[in-house]
C-alpha atoms as a PDB file:
ATOM      1  CA  MET A   1      39.933  49.304 -27.371  1.00  0.00           C
ATOM      2  CA  ASP A   2      43.383  49.444 -28.934  1.00  0.00           C
ATOM      3  CA  TYR A   3      44.269  50.231 -32.523  1.00  0.00           C
ATOM      4  CA  ILE A   4      44.686  46.673 -33.841  1.00  0.00           C
ATOM      5  CA  GLU A   5      41.333  45.609 -32.337  1.00  0.00           C
ATOM      6  CA  THR A   6      39.685  48.496 -34.200  1.00  0.00           C
ATOM      7  CA  VAL A   7      41.376  47.466 -37.457  1.00  0.00           C
ATOM      8  CA  ARG A   8      40.419  43.807 -36.962  1.00  0.00           C
ATOM      9  CA  ARG A   9      36.771  44.749 -36.415  1.00  0.00           C
ATOM     10  CA  ARG A  10      36.777  46.305 -39.874  1.00  0.00           C
ATOM     11  CA  LEU A  11      38.989  43.835 -41.763  1.00  0.00           C
ATOM     12  CA  GLY A  12      38.427  40.558 -39.975  1.00  0.00           C
ATOM     13  CA  HIS A  13      41.279  38.125 -40.601  1.00  0.00           C
ATOM     14  CA  ASP A  14      42.522  39.854 -43.780  1.00  0.00           C
ATOM     15  CA  LEU A  15      46.187  40.777 -44.091  1.00  0.00           C
ATOM     16  CA  VAL A  16      47.217  43.788 -41.980  1.00  0.00           C
ATOM     17  CA  ILE A  17      50.601  45.525 -42.056  1.00  0.00           C
ATOM     18  CA  THR A  18      51.877  46.125 -38.531  1.00  0.00           C
ATOM     19  CA  VAL A  19      54.887  47.811 -36.992  1.00  0.00           C
ATOM     20  CA  GLY A  20      56.147  45.889 -34.034  1.00  0.00           C
ATOM     21  CA  CYS A  21      58.857  46.491 -31.508  1.00  0.00           C
ATOM     22  CA  GLY A  22      60.784  44.155 -29.305  1.00  0.00           C
ATOM     23  CA  ALA A  23      63.911  43.860 -27.287  1.00  0.00           C
ATOM     24  CA  VAL A  24      67.035  41.799 -27.160  1.00  0.00           C
ATOM     25  CA  ILE A  25      67.331  41.985 -23.366  1.00  0.00           C
ATOM     26  CA  GLU A  26      70.574  40.918 -21.775  1.00  0.00           C
ATOM     27  CA  ASP A  27      71.154  40.443 -18.064  1.00  0.00           C
ATOM     28  CA  PRO A  28      74.481  41.315 -16.357  1.00  0.00           C
ATOM     29  CA  ALA A  29      75.881  37.905 -17.421  1.00  0.00           C
ATOM     30  CA  GLY A  30      75.126  38.636 -21.112  1.00  0.00           C
ATOM     31  CA  ARG A  31      72.282  36.110 -21.333  1.00  0.00           C
ATOM     32  CA  ILE A  32      69.225  36.868 -23.509  1.00  0.00           C
ATOM     33  CA  LEU A  33      65.635  36.766 -22.262  1.00  0.00           C
ATOM     34  CA  LEU A  34      63.223  34.649 -24.301  1.00  0.00           C
ATOM     35  CA  GLN A  35      59.527  33.879 -23.857  1.00  0.00           C
ATOM     36  CA  ARG A  36      57.826  30.646 -24.864  1.00  0.00           C
ATOM     37  CA  ARG A  37      54.637  31.981 -26.465  1.00  0.00           C
ATOM     38  CA  ARG A  38      51.409  30.105 -25.770  1.00  0.00           C
ATOM     39  CA  ALA A  39      49.739  30.562 -29.175  1.00  0.00           C
ATOM     40  CA  GLU A  40      52.679  29.306 -31.252  1.00  0.00           C
ATOM     41  CA  ASP A  41      54.478  27.259 -28.562  1.00  0.00           C
ATOM     42  CA  ARG A  42      57.725  28.833 -29.765  1.00  0.00           C
ATOM     43  CA  TRP A  43      60.448  30.980 -28.173  1.00  0.00           C
ATOM     44  CA  ALA A  44      60.590  34.705 -29.002  1.00  0.00           C
ATOM     45  CA  VAL A  45      61.960  37.988 -27.700  1.00  0.00           C
ATOM     46  CA  PRO A  46      59.492  40.113 -25.707  1.00  0.00           C
ATOM     47  CA  GLY A  47      57.639  42.718 -27.714  1.00  0.00           C
ATOM     48  CA  GLY A  48      54.434  43.803 -29.353  1.00  0.00           C
ATOM     49  CA  LEU A  49      52.824  46.414 -31.545  1.00  0.00           C
ATOM     50  CA  ILE A  50      53.538  50.117 -31.515  1.00  0.00           C
ATOM     51  CA  GLU A  51      50.409  52.168 -30.886  1.00  0.00           C
ATOM     52  CA  PRO A  52      49.721  55.229 -33.093  1.00  0.00           C
ATOM     53  CA  GLY A  53      51.775  58.233 -31.941  1.00  0.00           C
ATOM     54  CA  GLU A  54      54.019  56.193 -29.649  1.00  0.00           C
ATOM     55  CA  PHE A  55      57.816  56.478 -29.712  1.00  0.00           C
ATOM     56  CA  VAL A  56      59.607  53.201 -30.489  1.00  0.00           C
ATOM     57  CA  ALA A  57      61.677  53.167 -27.275  1.00  0.00           C
ATOM     58  CA  GLU A  58      58.578  54.014 -25.225  1.00  0.00           C
ATOM     59  CA  ALA A  59      56.592  51.200 -26.883  1.00  0.00           C
ATOM     60  CA  MET A  60      59.418  48.704 -26.289  1.00  0.00           C
ATOM     61  CA  ARG A  61      59.675  49.598 -22.597  1.00  0.00           C
ATOM     62  CA  ARG A  62      55.878  49.391 -22.209  1.00  0.00           C
ATOM     63  CA  GLU A  63      55.640  45.996 -23.917  1.00  0.00           C
ATOM     64  CA  VAL A  64      58.577  44.562 -21.963  1.00  0.00           C
ATOM     65  CA  LEU A  65      57.191  45.789 -18.638  1.00  0.00           C
ATOM     66  CA  GLU A  66      53.692  44.442 -19.428  1.00  0.00           C
ATOM     67  CA  GLU A  67      54.989  41.034 -20.510  1.00  0.00           C
ATOM     68  CA  THR A  68      57.939  40.450 -18.198  1.00  0.00           C
ATOM     69  CA  GLY A  69      57.661  42.772 -15.211  1.00  0.00           C
ATOM     70  CA  LEU A  70      61.177  44.003 -16.045  1.00  0.00           C
ATOM     71  CA  ASP A  71      62.120  47.671 -16.234  1.00  0.00           C
ATOM     72  CA  VAL A  72      64.706  47.860 -19.003  1.00  0.00           C
ATOM     73  CA  GLU A  73      67.018  50.558 -20.267  1.00  0.00           C
ATOM     74  CA  PRO A  74      67.169  50.966 -24.061  1.00  0.00           C
ATOM     75  CA  GLN A  75      70.733  50.680 -25.402  1.00  0.00           C
ATOM     76  CA  GLY A  76      70.092  51.478 -29.060  1.00  0.00           C
ATOM     77  CA  LEU A  77      68.861  49.792 -32.196  1.00  0.00           C
ATOM     78  CA  PHE A  78      69.570  46.071 -32.579  1.00  0.00           C
ATOM     79  CA  GLY A  79      67.926  45.720 -35.991  1.00  0.00           C
ATOM     80  CA  VAL A  80      65.083  46.346 -38.401  1.00  0.00           C
ATOM     81  CA  TYR A  81      63.454  43.183 -39.746  1.00  0.00           C
ATOM     82  CA  SER A  82      61.145  42.961 -42.765  1.00  0.00           C
ATOM     83  CA  GLY A  83      60.889  40.881 -45.931  1.00  0.00           C
ATOM     84  CA  PRO A  84      59.046  37.608 -46.609  1.00  0.00           C
ATOM     85  CA  GLU A  85      59.745  36.300 -43.100  1.00  0.00           C
ATOM     86  CA  GLY A  86      57.469  39.088 -41.798  1.00  0.00           C
ATOM     87  CA  TYR A  87      54.328  37.242 -42.908  1.00  0.00           C
ATOM     88  CA  ALA A  88      52.537  35.324 -40.169  1.00  0.00           C
ATOM     89  CA  GLU A  89      49.180  33.759 -39.536  1.00  0.00           C
ATOM     90  CA  TYR A  90      48.015  33.455 -35.957  1.00  0.00           C
ATOM     91  CA  PRO A  91      46.070  30.449 -34.666  1.00  0.00           C
ATOM     92  CA  ASN A  92      42.844  32.533 -34.747  1.00  0.00           C
ATOM     93  CA  GLY A  93      43.331  33.139 -38.496  1.00  0.00           C
ATOM     94  CA  ASP A  94      44.568  36.747 -38.292  1.00  0.00           C
ATOM     95  CA  ARG A  95      47.139  37.390 -41.041  1.00  0.00           C
ATOM     96  CA  VAL A  96      49.863  40.030 -40.710  1.00  0.00           C
ATOM     97  CA  PHE A  97      52.924  41.357 -42.408  1.00  0.00           C
ATOM     98  CA  SER A  98      55.066  42.815 -39.665  1.00  0.00           C
ATOM     99  CA  VAL A  99      58.035  45.144 -39.796  1.00  0.00           C
ATOM    100  CA  MET A 100      59.900  44.726 -36.516  1.00  0.00           C
ATOM    101  CA  LEU A 101      62.069  47.353 -34.841  1.00  0.00           C
ATOM    102  CA  ILE A 102      64.202  45.516 -32.306  1.00  0.00           C
ATOM    103  CA  MET A 103      66.167  47.396 -29.670  1.00  0.00           C
ATOM    104  CA  ARG A 104      69.009  46.336 -27.433  1.00  0.00           C
ATOM    105  CA  ALA A 105      68.115  46.633 -23.751  1.00  0.00           C
ATOM    106  CA  ARG A 106      69.755  45.896 -20.436  1.00  0.00           C
ATOM    107  CA  THR A 107      68.368  44.962 -17.083  1.00  0.00           C
ATOM    108  CA  GLN A 108      69.943  44.408 -13.708  1.00  0.00           C
ATOM    109  CA  GLN A 109      67.187  41.937 -12.866  1.00  0.00           C
ATOM    110  CA  THR A 110      67.851  38.249 -13.489  1.00  0.00           C
ATOM    111  CA  GLU A 111      64.316  36.877 -13.277  1.00  0.00           C
ATOM    112  CA  ALA A 112      61.168  37.689 -15.228  1.00  0.00           C
ATOM    113  CA  ARG A 113      57.613  36.597 -14.460  1.00  0.00           C
ATOM    114  CA  PRO A 114      57.463  32.816 -14.747  1.00  0.00           C
ATOM    115  CA  GLU A 115      54.357  32.874 -16.962  1.00  0.00           C
ATOM    116  CA  GLY A 116      51.604  35.135 -18.216  1.00  0.00           C
ATOM    117  CA  GLU A 117      48.562  35.371 -20.437  1.00  0.00           C
ATOM    118  CA  GLU A 118      50.567  35.308 -23.698  1.00  0.00           C
ATOM    119  CA  PHE A 119      53.442  33.008 -22.716  1.00  0.00           C
ATOM    120  CA  ARG A 120      54.038  29.814 -20.771  1.00  0.00           C
ATOM    121  CA  ALA A 121      57.646  30.410 -19.710  1.00  0.00           C
ATOM    122  CA  GLN A 122      60.378  33.038 -19.692  1.00  0.00           C
ATOM    123  CA  ARG A 123      64.043  32.558 -19.028  1.00  0.00           C
ATOM    124  CA  PHE A 124      67.489  33.893 -19.750  1.00  0.00           C
ATOM    125  CA  PHE A 125      69.704  31.843 -22.065  1.00  0.00           C
ATOM    126  CA  ALA A 126      73.471  31.965 -22.560  1.00  0.00           C
ATOM    127  CA  ARG A 127      74.653  31.401 -26.133  1.00  0.00           C
ATOM    128  CA  ALA A 128      75.952  27.940 -25.178  1.00  0.00           C
ATOM    129  CA  GLU A 129      72.549  26.798 -23.858  1.00  0.00           C
ATOM    130  CA  PHE A 130      70.395  28.414 -26.523  1.00  0.00           C
ATOM    131  CA  PRO A 131      67.378  26.345 -27.697  1.00  0.00           C
ATOM    132  CA  ASP A 132      67.281  24.838 -31.175  1.00  0.00           C
ATOM    133  CA  LEU A 133      66.296  27.525 -33.706  1.00  0.00           C
ATOM    134  CA  GLU A 134      63.465  25.231 -34.857  1.00  0.00           C
ATOM    135  CA  LEU A 135      61.852  26.026 -31.484  1.00  0.00           C
ATOM    136  CA  VAL A 136      61.969  29.768 -32.230  1.00  0.00           C
ATOM    137  CA  TRP A 137      58.998  31.591 -33.763  1.00  0.00           C
ATOM    138  CA  SER A 138      59.796  31.551 -37.511  1.00  0.00           C
ATOM    139  CA  HIS A 139      59.669  35.301 -38.116  1.00  0.00           C
ATOM    140  CA  GLN A 140      62.080  35.863 -35.219  1.00  0.00           C
ATOM    141  CA  ARG A 141      64.770  33.373 -36.211  1.00  0.00           C
ATOM    142  CA  ARG A 142      66.783  36.091 -37.966  1.00  0.00           C
ATOM    143  CA  ILE A 143      66.829  38.200 -34.787  1.00  0.00           C
ATOM    144  CA  LEU A 144      68.135  35.342 -32.706  1.00  0.00           C
ATOM    145  CA  THR A 145      70.591  34.202 -35.369  1.00  0.00           C
ATOM    146  CA  ASP A 146      71.997  37.738 -35.360  1.00  0.00           C
ATOM    147  CA  TRP A 147      72.265  37.680 -31.540  1.00  0.00           C
ATOM    148  CA  LEU A 148      73.958  34.278 -31.586  1.00  0.00           C
ATOM    149  CA  SER A 149      76.525  35.604 -34.080  1.00  0.00           C
ATOM    150  CA  GLY A 150      77.822  38.039 -31.468  1.00  0.00           C
ATOM    151  CA  ALA A 151      78.017  40.817 -34.096  1.00  0.00           C
ATOM    152  CA  GLU A 152      77.061  44.280 -32.911  1.00  0.00           C
ATOM    153  CA  GLY A 153      74.690  45.449 -35.657  1.00  0.00           C
ATOM    154  CA  PRO A 154      72.440  47.251 -36.152  1.00  0.00           C
ATOM    155  CA  PHE A 155      71.110  44.712 -38.602  1.00  0.00           C
ATOM    156  CA  LEU A 156      68.901  45.670 -41.553  1.00  0.00           C
ATOM    157  CA  ARG A 157      67.092  42.568 -42.748  1.00  0.00           C
END
């Protein structure tokens, strides 16, 4: 059983503060990898929760590999995201406030798994073909707005 399952057993659906990690993954053409999450039916960057005692870069690589099948190389910090946009309620009623540590990562691979347990699609997008931000998971819109800006960061939001 992982840490968040243990916490949920004790607290139920009550608000939990989490520390998440994720990656802005670019392929050799500079396109970003997004996943269309099943639960929210919204696009998001790959990522998940950091387990107790885990290094951020290690957690990001683990989450990306589990979700996408891609082995990525961390390139540094993209941004730290907190504030009111960090509140979320999942379809099962779990409530969280998440601080997200997002890293830049590169891969030489140009295809990720087509679908998985947590997502219905994954694909690389160029800035010119990026989906409408209304189709992006609300607490990740700032991440993707920052990526679309082309600014280097790191961003502290």
